[in-house]
Amino acid sequence: MSAGETMEPTPLTARRGAALAGTVRVPGDKSTSHRALILGLLSIGETRVEGLLEGEDVLRTAQACRQLGATVERQGQGRWSVRGVGIGGLPEPQGLLDFGNAGTGVRLMMGVVGGHPITATFDGDASLRTRPMRRILDPVALMGAKVVAAVEGGRLPVTLAGAREAMPIVYRTPVASAQIKSAVLLAGLAAPGTTVVIETEASRDHTERMLGHFGAKVVSEPDGPHGRKITLRGQPELVPAAVAVPADPSSAAFPMVAALIVPGSDILLADVMTNPLRTGLMTTLREMGAAIVPEEAKSDGGEAMAGLRVRSTPLRGVEVPAERAPSMIDEYPVLAVAASFAEGTTVMRGLKELRVKESDRLAATAAMLRVNGIEAEIAGDDLFVHGRGHAAGGGLVATRMDHRIAMSALVLGLAAQRPVTIDDGAFIATSFPGFADMMRRLGGEVGNG
């Protein structure tokens, strides 16, 4: 689907059925998949990737890497080869770079282009065109890039002229965002000297870990009570490195919560990434009383992973502190579903970043709950969910072109008293192709609306 086009809606319905059981591996981590392709592009030689997420978002990044000079080939299920052109070797792309719904892909690639003396036009679908890009364009402009054209507010489509001679900067991120940090570091690869990013609240560190895996000199150290200072030495020669992509914890969140709230369930989720900056949901669910037990822990390519045994468990309401948000920002909609089946009120604080996701995800989450008979309210940037140990269901959920709202609503339907229908499940493929099939393999009743 090209920029600006829409897909035919695909309604889906989930209904309560038997307990969930079995062993599954959710798709590869989306964050790692994007970065493996991009660092393969910026290396000279062949990078082999195993377990790549073959969702629409990542495939858009793969295509952009091709347009920027890399040879990117699929060699089997989840197995990909990237032959890169190296830092400084990117040609001017032919045609616009169409990222569909991929917010991570477009923002990281703006950093790559921002550090190179080339001009590229970035675009995406109707949802991506509403999302703010100024937070990326401002720091890369400090490094020498220029915004040639953009929609009001720095939104897509954006034409960006990269720096003729990229300059290193010291940049303090205005919000905890791995995308902002990563864009600055990726632009900094082309700059001489050292580029420094300072975060008040630590965000996901996949870029720093993978840069080190590919041979860059990067140091991450504490800065303040919750922050990090990342220092990157510019103009390295990145060395191709094999990448084994772990299962995506954000995708694992959906069968995980489903198993907790569908009575009698017992499942095993294989090879889930357990990077401590991605485990906020597991921490919170355990505080709620969840039975989530790690098995067979291991490490590959700088990322820890483990099997996760999940059994249905009575849950209780808790308060989730704002400083935990960066480690679970994508999981709040499905946490809200878990909170709906808990006893008592769950308070989720500091959710400002949810307002600038694929939808206003904070408003969309509250609406998803309310239409299914669950009491929820928003106060400032906080979400309150009043759980009663069960949920009525029976609602039609407006997904707002948001894959995580769509999957969260279907998880709700698996345990609610009445079926839950979503208006469109087409966008689930951006991050979790085969989601409905996987839930059916576990015993969940998910079907066409």
Protein backbone atom coordinates (compact mmCIF):
# COMPACT_ATOMS: atom_id res chain seq x y z
CA MET A 1 0.00 0.00 0.00
CA SER A 2 1.46 3.36 -1.02
CA ALA A 3 1.46 6.58 1.00
CA GLY A 4 -1.96 7.98 1.77
CA GLU A 5 -3.92 4.90 0.63
CA THR A 6 -6.37 3.09 2.90
CA MET A 7 -7.09 -0.63 3.26
CA GLU A 8 -10.50 -2.27 3.31
CA PRO A 9 -11.61 -2.71 6.95
CA THR A 10 -11.30 -6.22 8.37
CA PRO A 11 -13.60 -6.58 11.40
CA LEU A 12 -12.66 -9.30 13.91
CA THR A 13 -14.50 -10.71 16.92
CA ALA A 14 -13.13 -12.49 20.01
CA ARG A 15 -15.33 -14.45 22.40
CA ARG A 16 -14.90 -16.37 25.62
CA GLY A 17 -14.07 -20.05 25.19
CA ALA A 18 -11.83 -22.74 26.64
CA ALA A 19 -8.63 -22.19 28.62
CA LEU A 20 -5.53 -21.25 26.63
CA ALA A 21 -2.74 -23.83 26.45
CA GLY A 22 0.41 -24.57 24.45
CA THR A 23 3.82 -23.21 23.53
CA VAL A 24 4.28 -20.40 20.99
CA ARG A 25 6.96 -17.98 19.85
CA VAL A 26 5.63 -14.54 19.04
CA PRO A 27 7.24 -12.66 16.13
CA GLY A 28 10.71 -11.15 16.40
CA ASP A 29 11.21 -7.92 18.32
CA LYS A 30 10.23 -4.98 16.16
CA SER A 31 12.74 -2.55 17.68
CA THR A 32 15.64 -4.95 17.14
CA SER A 33 14.47 -5.82 13.62
CA HIS A 34 14.43 -2.19 12.45
CA ARG A 35 17.88 -1.57 13.90
CA ALA A 36 19.42 -4.75 12.48
CA LEU A 37 18.44 -3.67 8.97
CA ILE A 38 19.63 -0.10 9.44
CA LEU A 39 23.00 -1.04 10.94
CA GLY A 40 23.39 -3.63 8.18
CA LEU A 41 22.90 -0.76 5.70
CA LEU A 42 25.59 1.27 7.49
CA SER A 43 28.11 -1.59 7.53
CA ILE A 44 30.31 -2.66 4.63
CA GLY A 45 29.73 -6.33 3.87
CA GLU A 46 27.02 -8.86 4.70
CA THR A 47 24.93 -8.87 7.87
CA ARG A 48 22.85 -12.00 8.49
CA VAL A 49 19.67 -11.66 10.54
CA GLU A 50 17.71 -14.55 12.08
CA GLY A 51 14.20 -14.17 13.46
CA LEU A 52 13.45 -10.84 11.77
CA LEU A 53 9.90 -9.61 12.29
CA GLU A 54 8.27 -9.83 8.86
CA GLY A 55 5.52 -7.34 9.65
CA GLU A 56 4.61 -4.40 7.43
CA ASP A 57 6.53 -1.86 9.52
CA VAL A 58 9.84 -3.71 9.28
CA LEU A 59 9.36 -4.52 5.60
CA ARG A 60 9.01 -0.78 4.95
CA THR A 61 12.39 -0.22 6.62
CA ALA A 62 13.89 -3.02 4.51
CA GLN A 63 12.65 -1.31 1.36
CA ALA A 64 14.05 2.05 2.49
CA CYS A 65 17.43 0.37 3.05
CA ARG A 66 17.31 -0.89 -0.55
CA GLN A 67 16.55 2.62 -1.80
CA LEU A 68 19.56 3.87 0.18
CA GLY A 69 21.93 1.43 -1.50
CA ALA A 70 21.80 -1.83 0.45
CA THR A 71 21.10 -5.25 -1.04
CA VAL A 72 18.41 -6.73 1.22
CA GLU A 73 17.26 -10.29 0.55
CA ARG A 74 14.92 -12.69 2.30
CA GLN A 75 16.50 -16.15 2.49
CA GLY A 76 13.81 -18.00 4.44
CA GLN A 77 11.30 -17.55 7.24
CA GLY A 78 12.79 -14.76 9.38
CA ARG A 79 16.23 -15.16 7.72
CA TRP A 80 17.53 -12.09 5.91
CA SER A 81 20.78 -10.87 4.39
CA VAL A 82 21.81 -7.21 4.24
CA ARG A 83 24.82 -6.09 2.20
CA GLY A 84 25.50 -2.55 3.29
CA VAL A 85 27.29 0.42 1.78
CA GLY A 86 28.83 1.83 4.95
CA ILE A 87 28.66 5.18 6.72
CA GLY A 88 29.10 7.92 4.15
CA GLY A 89 28.30 5.60 1.25
CA LEU A 90 24.56 6.19 0.92
CA PRO A 91 23.36 7.27 -2.54
CA GLU A 92 20.53 9.72 -3.08
CA PRO A 93 17.36 7.60 -3.05
CA GLN A 94 15.17 7.31 -6.12
CA GLY A 95 11.57 8.10 -5.22
CA LEU A 96 10.13 8.86 -1.80
CA LEU A 97 10.76 6.65 1.24
CA ASP A 98 7.27 5.34 2.09
CA PHE A 99 7.14 4.01 5.66
CA GLY A 100 3.46 3.10 5.77
CA ASN A 101 2.60 2.97 9.49
CA ALA A 102 6.18 2.56 10.74
CA GLY A 103 6.89 5.37 13.22
CA THR A 104 10.12 3.81 14.44
CA GLY A 105 11.40 3.17 10.92
CA VAL A 106 10.77 6.69 9.64
CA ARG A 107 12.24 8.43 12.69
CA LEU A 108 15.39 6.32 12.80
CA MET A 109 15.93 6.71 9.08
CA MET A 110 15.56 10.48 9.40
CA GLY A 111 18.58 10.28 11.69
CA VAL A 112 20.52 8.23 9.13
CA VAL A 113 19.71 10.62 6.27
CA GLY A 114 20.29 13.65 8.50
CA GLY A 115 23.95 12.72 8.88
CA HIS A 116 24.57 12.18 5.14
CA PRO A 117 24.88 14.68 2.27
CA ILE A 118 21.79 13.39 0.48
CA THR A 119 18.18 14.54 0.17
CA ALA A 120 15.22 12.24 0.80
CA THR A 121 11.45 12.60 1.04
CA PHE A 122 9.70 10.66 3.80
CA ASP A 123 6.01 9.76 3.77
CA GLY A 124 3.58 7.28 5.30
CA ASP A 125 -0.05 6.31 5.62
CA ALA A 126 -2.85 8.50 6.98
CA SER A 127 -2.05 7.53 10.57
CA LEU A 128 1.69 8.19 10.30
CA ARG A 129 1.01 11.56 8.68
CA THR A 130 -0.65 12.73 11.90
CA ARG A 131 2.34 11.90 14.13
CA PRO A 132 4.89 14.54 15.21
CA MET A 133 8.28 14.51 13.51
CA ARG A 134 9.58 17.85 14.81
CA ARG A 135 11.15 16.05 17.78
CA ILE A 136 13.49 14.34 15.27
CA LEU A 137 13.93 17.20 12.82
CA ASP A 138 15.04 19.69 15.49
CA PRO A 139 18.11 17.77 16.73
CA VAL A 140 19.24 16.65 13.24
CA ALA A 141 18.99 20.30 12.16
CA LEU A 142 21.44 21.15 14.95
CA MET A 143 23.79 18.62 13.32
CA GLY A 144 23.57 20.35 9.94
CA ALA A 145 20.51 18.86 8.23
CA LYS A 146 17.84 21.10 6.69
CA VAL A 147 14.11 20.59 6.36
CA VAL A 148 13.33 21.44 2.73
CA ALA A 149 9.59 20.80 2.97
CA ALA A 150 7.14 19.57 5.61
CA VAL A 151 3.48 19.81 6.55
CA GLU A 152 2.60 22.23 9.35
CA GLY A 153 4.00 21.06 12.68
CA GLY A 154 6.79 19.08 11.00
CA ARG A 155 4.48 16.29 9.88
CA LEU A 156 4.81 14.01 6.86
CA PRO A 157 5.47 14.23 4.01
CA VAL A 158 8.90 15.67 4.90
CA THR A 159 11.81 16.37 2.55
CA LEU A 160 15.09 16.38 4.46
CA ALA A 161 18.48 17.49 3.13
CA GLY A 162 21.16 15.77 5.19
CA ALA A 163 24.23 17.54 6.53
CA ARG A 164 27.05 18.21 4.09
CA GLU A 165 29.44 17.84 7.02
CA ALA A 166 27.61 16.46 10.04
CA MET A 167 28.48 18.10 13.37
CA PRO A 168 28.57 16.28 16.70
CA ILE A 169 26.28 17.70 19.40
CA VAL A 170 25.39 17.27 23.04
CA TYR A 171 21.63 16.81 23.12
CA ARG A 172 19.28 16.51 26.07
CA THR A 173 16.08 14.77 24.96
CA PRO A 174 12.87 16.68 25.84
CA VAL A 175 11.01 13.42 26.59
CA ALA A 176 12.04 9.84 27.27
CA SER A 177 12.09 8.52 23.70
CA ALA A 178 14.30 5.81 22.21
CA GLN A 179 13.37 7.12 18.77
CA ILE A 180 14.77 10.60 19.45
CA LYS A 181 17.91 9.21 21.06
CA SER A 182 18.44 6.71 18.25
CA ALA A 183 17.98 9.30 15.51
CA VAL A 184 20.64 11.54 17.08
CA LEU A 185 23.06 8.63 17.52
CA LEU A 186 22.52 7.38 13.96
CA ALA A 187 23.16 10.88 12.60
CA GLY A 188 26.19 11.09 14.92
CA LEU A 189 27.76 8.09 13.22
CA ALA A 190 28.63 10.37 10.29
CA ALA A 191 30.00 13.19 12.45
CA PRO A 192 33.63 13.54 13.63
CA GLY A 193 34.30 13.62 17.36
CA THR A 194 31.74 12.54 19.94
CA THR A 195 27.97 12.87 19.95
CA VAL A 196 26.32 12.83 23.38
CA VAL A 197 22.67 12.19 24.25
CA ILE A 198 21.42 12.83 27.79
CA GLU A 199 18.12 11.41 29.03
CA THR A 200 16.39 12.39 32.26
CA GLU A 201 14.46 9.10 32.10
CA ALA A 202 16.22 6.13 30.50
CA SER A 203 14.50 4.85 27.34
CA ARG A 204 15.00 1.56 25.47
CA ASP A 205 18.68 0.96 24.82
CA HIS A 206 18.53 -1.33 21.76
CA THR A 207 20.41 1.16 19.58
CA GLU A 208 23.33 1.47 21.98
CA ARG A 209 23.56 -2.30 22.41
CA MET A 210 23.44 -2.97 18.69
CA LEU A 211 25.92 -0.21 17.86
CA GLY A 212 28.37 -1.93 20.18
CA HIS A 213 27.56 -5.28 18.58
CA PHE A 214 28.52 -3.79 15.18
CA GLY A 215 31.82 -2.38 16.49
CA ALA A 216 30.97 1.25 17.34
CA LYS A 217 32.54 2.88 20.39
CA VAL A 218 29.56 3.78 22.54
CA VAL A 219 29.38 4.26 26.30
CA SER A 220 26.18 4.43 28.36
CA GLU A 221 26.40 5.57 31.97
CA PRO A 222 23.95 6.70 34.69
CA ASP A 223 23.01 10.37 34.77
CA GLY A 224 20.82 11.45 37.68
CA PRO A 225 18.39 9.19 39.54
CA HIS A 226 16.71 7.66 36.45
CA GLY A 227 18.63 9.00 33.46
CA ARG A 228 21.43 7.95 31.13
CA LYS A 229 24.25 9.67 29.27
CA ILE A 230 25.22 8.02 25.99
CA THR A 231 28.49 8.96 24.30
CA LEU A 232 29.23 7.85 20.73
CA ARG A 233 32.54 8.21 18.90
CA GLY A 234 31.72 9.25 15.35
CA GLN A 235 32.85 7.93 11.97
CA PRO A 236 33.51 4.31 12.98
CA GLU A 237 33.80 1.57 10.42
CA LEU A 238 30.94 -0.70 11.38
CA VAL A 239 31.63 -4.41 11.00
CA PRO A 240 28.82 -6.71 9.81
CA ALA A 241 27.55 -8.82 12.68
CA ALA A 242 25.06 -11.68 12.86
CA VAL A 243 21.87 -10.73 14.70
CA ALA A 244 19.48 -13.21 16.34
CA VAL A 245 16.29 -11.27 16.97
CA PRO A 246 14.53 -12.33 20.19
CA ALA A 247 10.76 -12.60 20.43
CA ASP A 248 9.13 -9.19 20.90
CA PRO A 249 8.06 -8.52 24.51
CA SER A 250 5.49 -6.00 23.29
CA SER A 251 3.89 -8.71 21.13
CA ALA A 252 4.25 -11.32 23.89
CA ALA A 253 2.19 -9.00 26.10
CA PHE A 254 -1.03 -9.99 24.32
CA PRO A 255 -0.99 -13.79 24.81
CA MET A 256 0.55 -13.15 28.25
CA VAL A 257 -2.39 -11.06 29.46
CA ALA A 258 -4.85 -13.37 27.73
CA ALA A 259 -3.44 -16.34 29.67
CA LEU A 260 -3.70 -14.42 32.94
CA ILE A 261 -7.36 -13.48 32.52
CA VAL A 262 -8.83 -16.57 30.78
CA PRO A 263 -9.53 -19.05 33.61
CA GLY A 264 -7.48 -22.26 33.65
CA SER A 265 -4.90 -21.08 31.10
CA ASP A 266 -1.27 -22.26 31.11
CA ILE A 267 1.05 -21.27 28.24
CA LEU A 268 4.76 -20.97 27.47
CA LEU A 269 6.09 -18.02 25.45
CA ALA A 270 9.46 -18.94 23.92
CA ASP A 271 12.60 -16.76 23.68
CA VAL A 272 11.04 -13.48 24.85
CA MET A 273 13.43 -10.53 25.17
CA THR A 274 14.04 -9.72 28.85
CA ASN A 275 16.05 -6.52 28.42
CA PRO A 276 15.38 -4.68 31.73
CA LEU A 277 14.30 -1.56 29.84
CA ARG A 278 11.50 -3.60 28.22
CA THR A 279 10.14 -5.53 31.22
CA GLY A 280 7.97 -2.87 32.84
CA LEU A 281 4.80 -4.78 31.98
CA MET A 282 6.07 -8.00 33.57
CA THR A 283 7.10 -6.08 36.69
CA THR A 284 3.65 -4.50 36.91
CA LEU A 285 1.75 -7.73 36.28
CA ARG A 286 3.77 -9.49 38.98
CA GLU A 287 2.90 -6.67 41.39
CA MET A 288 -0.74 -7.41 40.49
CA GLY A 289 -0.18 -11.04 41.50
CA ALA A 290 0.50 -12.60 38.10
CA ALA A 291 2.18 -15.99 37.78
CA ILE A 292 4.91 -15.34 35.20
CA VAL A 293 7.97 -17.58 35.58
CA PRO A 294 11.12 -17.34 33.40
CA GLU A 295 12.67 -20.52 32.01
CA GLU A 296 15.88 -21.20 30.00
CA ALA A 297 17.40 -17.73 30.17
CA LYS A 298 20.10 -16.96 27.56
CA SER A 299 21.73 -14.09 25.68
CA ASP A 300 22.47 -13.37 22.03
CA GLY A 301 23.76 -10.25 20.29
CA GLY A 302 23.76 -8.26 23.51
CA GLU A 303 20.09 -8.97 24.31
CA ALA A 304 18.83 -11.28 27.08
CA MET A 305 15.89 -13.61 26.46
CA ALA A 306 13.98 -16.36 28.24
CA GLY A 307 10.93 -18.58 27.99
CA LEU A 308 8.01 -17.27 30.06
CA ARG A 309 5.52 -19.66 31.69
CA VAL A 310 2.22 -17.85 32.26
CA ARG A 311 -0.75 -19.24 34.20
CA SER A 312 -4.15 -17.69 34.88
CA THR A 313 -4.08 -15.79 38.15
CA PRO A 314 -6.41 -13.57 40.20
CA LEU A 315 -5.14 -9.99 39.83
CA ARG A 316 -5.39 -6.94 42.08
CA GLY A 317 -5.26 -3.24 41.26
CA VAL A 318 -1.96 -1.39 41.70
CA GLU A 319 -0.43 2.03 41.08
CA VAL A 320 2.06 2.15 38.19
CA PRO A 321 4.63 4.96 38.67
CA ALA A 322 5.32 7.44 35.87
CA GLU A 323 9.03 6.57 35.77
CA ARG A 324 8.13 3.05 34.60
CA ALA A 325 6.43 4.33 31.45
CA PRO A 326 9.49 4.24 29.13
CA SER A 327 9.96 0.51 29.81
CA MET A 328 6.38 -0.37 28.87
CA ILE A 329 5.04 2.49 26.78
CA ASP A 330 3.54 0.17 24.13
CA GLU A 331 1.95 -2.16 26.66
CA TYR A 332 -0.44 0.19 28.46
CA PRO A 333 -3.53 -0.71 26.37
CA VAL A 334 -3.22 -4.42 27.16
CA LEU A 335 -2.28 -3.63 30.78
CA ALA A 336 -5.56 -1.72 30.96
CA VAL A 337 -7.30 -4.93 29.86
CA ALA A 338 -5.57 -6.87 32.66
CA ALA A 339 -6.58 -4.11 35.08
CA SER A 340 -10.20 -4.52 34.00
CA PHE A 341 -10.16 -8.10 35.29
CA ALA A 342 -8.32 -7.20 38.52
CA GLU A 343 -10.03 -6.48 41.82
CA GLY A 344 -9.73 -2.79 42.65
CA THR A 345 -8.44 0.31 40.90
CA THR A 346 -5.27 0.40 38.83
CA VAL A 347 -3.69 3.84 38.33
CA MET A 348 -1.25 4.32 35.43
CA ARG A 349 0.63 7.60 35.74
CA GLY A 350 2.61 9.71 33.29
CA LEU A 351 1.14 8.53 29.96
CA LYS A 352 1.74 11.71 27.96
CA GLU A 353 3.63 9.81 25.23
CA LEU A 354 0.57 7.67 24.51
CA ARG A 355 -1.07 10.73 22.99
CA VAL A 356 1.38 10.74 20.06
CA LYS A 357 1.36 7.06 19.10
CA GLU A 358 -0.48 5.55 16.11
CA SER A 359 -3.60 7.14 17.62
CA ASP A 360 -4.19 9.18 20.76
CA ARG A 361 -3.64 5.84 22.44
CA LEU A 362 -4.58 7.13 25.89
CA ALA A 363 -8.05 8.25 24.72
CA ALA A 364 -8.44 5.14 22.56
CA THR A 365 -7.65 2.85 25.51
CA ALA A 366 -10.22 4.51 27.76
CA ALA A 367 -12.82 4.36 24.96
CA MET A 368 -12.09 0.65 24.37
CA LEU A 369 -12.79 -0.11 28.02
CA ARG A 370 -15.90 2.06 28.37
CA VAL A 371 -17.65 0.61 25.33
CA ASN A 372 -17.24 -2.79 26.99
CA GLY A 373 -18.78 -1.77 30.30
CA ILE A 374 -15.53 -1.09 32.18
CA GLU A 375 -15.24 2.04 34.30
CA ALA A 376 -12.21 4.12 33.32
CA GLU A 377 -11.26 7.78 33.37
CA ILE A 378 -8.38 10.02 32.35
CA ALA A 379 -7.07 12.73 34.67
CA GLY A 380 -4.30 14.78 33.06
CA ASP A 381 -1.82 12.17 31.80
CA ASP A 382 -3.03 9.45 34.20
CA LEU A 383 -5.40 6.57 33.47
CA PHE A 384 -7.64 5.06 36.17
CA VAL A 385 -9.20 1.62 35.57
CA HIS A 386 -11.69 0.34 38.12
CA GLY A 387 -11.51 -3.43 37.97
CA ARG A 388 -14.21 -5.74 39.25
CA GLY A 389 -12.63 -9.10 38.47
CA HIS A 390 -14.72 -9.46 35.30
CA ALA A 391 -15.85 -7.46 32.27
CA ALA A 392 -19.16 -7.32 30.43
CA GLY A 393 -17.80 -6.99 26.89
CA GLY A 394 -20.26 -6.74 24.03
CA GLY A 395 -18.72 -3.60 22.55
CA LEU A 396 -17.65 -2.54 19.06
CA VAL A 397 -14.17 -1.00 19.44
CA ALA A 398 -12.95 1.76 17.15
CA THR A 399 -9.29 0.82 16.60
CA ARG A 400 -8.33 4.20 15.06
CA MET A 401 -5.80 2.49 12.75
CA ASP A 402 -3.88 1.34 15.86
CA HIS A 403 -2.63 -2.25 15.95
CA ARG A 404 -2.17 -2.33 19.72
CA ILE A 405 -5.69 -1.13 20.43
CA ALA A 406 -6.96 -3.80 18.03
CA MET A 407 -5.08 -6.66 19.72
CA SER A 408 -5.87 -5.43 23.23
CA ALA A 409 -9.58 -5.38 22.46
CA LEU A 410 -9.44 -8.94 21.12
CA VAL A 411 -7.65 -10.09 24.28
CA LEU A 412 -10.43 -8.48 26.30
CA GLY A 413 -13.00 -10.41 24.26
CA LEU A 414 -11.38 -13.75 25.09
CA ALA A 415 -12.33 -13.34 28.76
CA ALA A 416 -15.35 -11.00 28.70
CA GLN A 417 -18.89 -12.18 29.30
CA ARG A 418 -19.97 -11.15 25.79
CA PRO A 419 -17.98 -11.08 22.52
CA VAL A 420 -15.89 -8.03 21.63
CA THR A 421 -15.62 -6.84 18.02
CA ILE A 422 -13.05 -4.48 16.49
CA ASP A 423 -13.93 -2.38 13.47
CA ASP A 424 -10.66 -3.16 11.68
CA GLY A 425 -7.94 -5.72 12.29
CA ALA A 426 -5.96 -4.97 9.12
CA PHE A 427 -3.34 -2.89 10.94
CA ILE A 428 -2.40 -5.77 13.25
CA ALA A 429 -0.07 -6.93 10.46
CA THR A 430 2.19 -3.92 11.02
CA SER A 431 3.65 -5.55 14.13
CA PHE A 432 2.14 -9.02 14.64
CA PRO A 433 1.33 -10.86 11.40
CA GLY A 434 -0.54 -14.05 12.24
CA PHE A 435 -1.82 -12.77 15.60
CA ALA A 436 -5.33 -14.22 15.20
CA ASP A 437 -3.93 -17.57 14.00
CA MET A 438 -1.57 -17.77 16.99
CA MET A 439 -4.34 -17.04 19.46
CA ARG A 440 -6.48 -19.74 17.82
CA ARG A 441 -3.58 -22.23 18.16
CA LEU A 442 -3.61 -21.52 21.89
CA GLY A 443 -7.35 -22.19 21.98
CA GLY A 444 -8.68 -18.64 21.73
CA GLU A 445 -11.83 -17.97 19.73
CA VAL A 446 -10.94 -15.16 17.30
CA GLY A 447 -12.75 -14.92 13.99
CA ASN A 448 -14.00 -12.60 11.29
CA GLY A 449 -16.45 -10.03 12.55
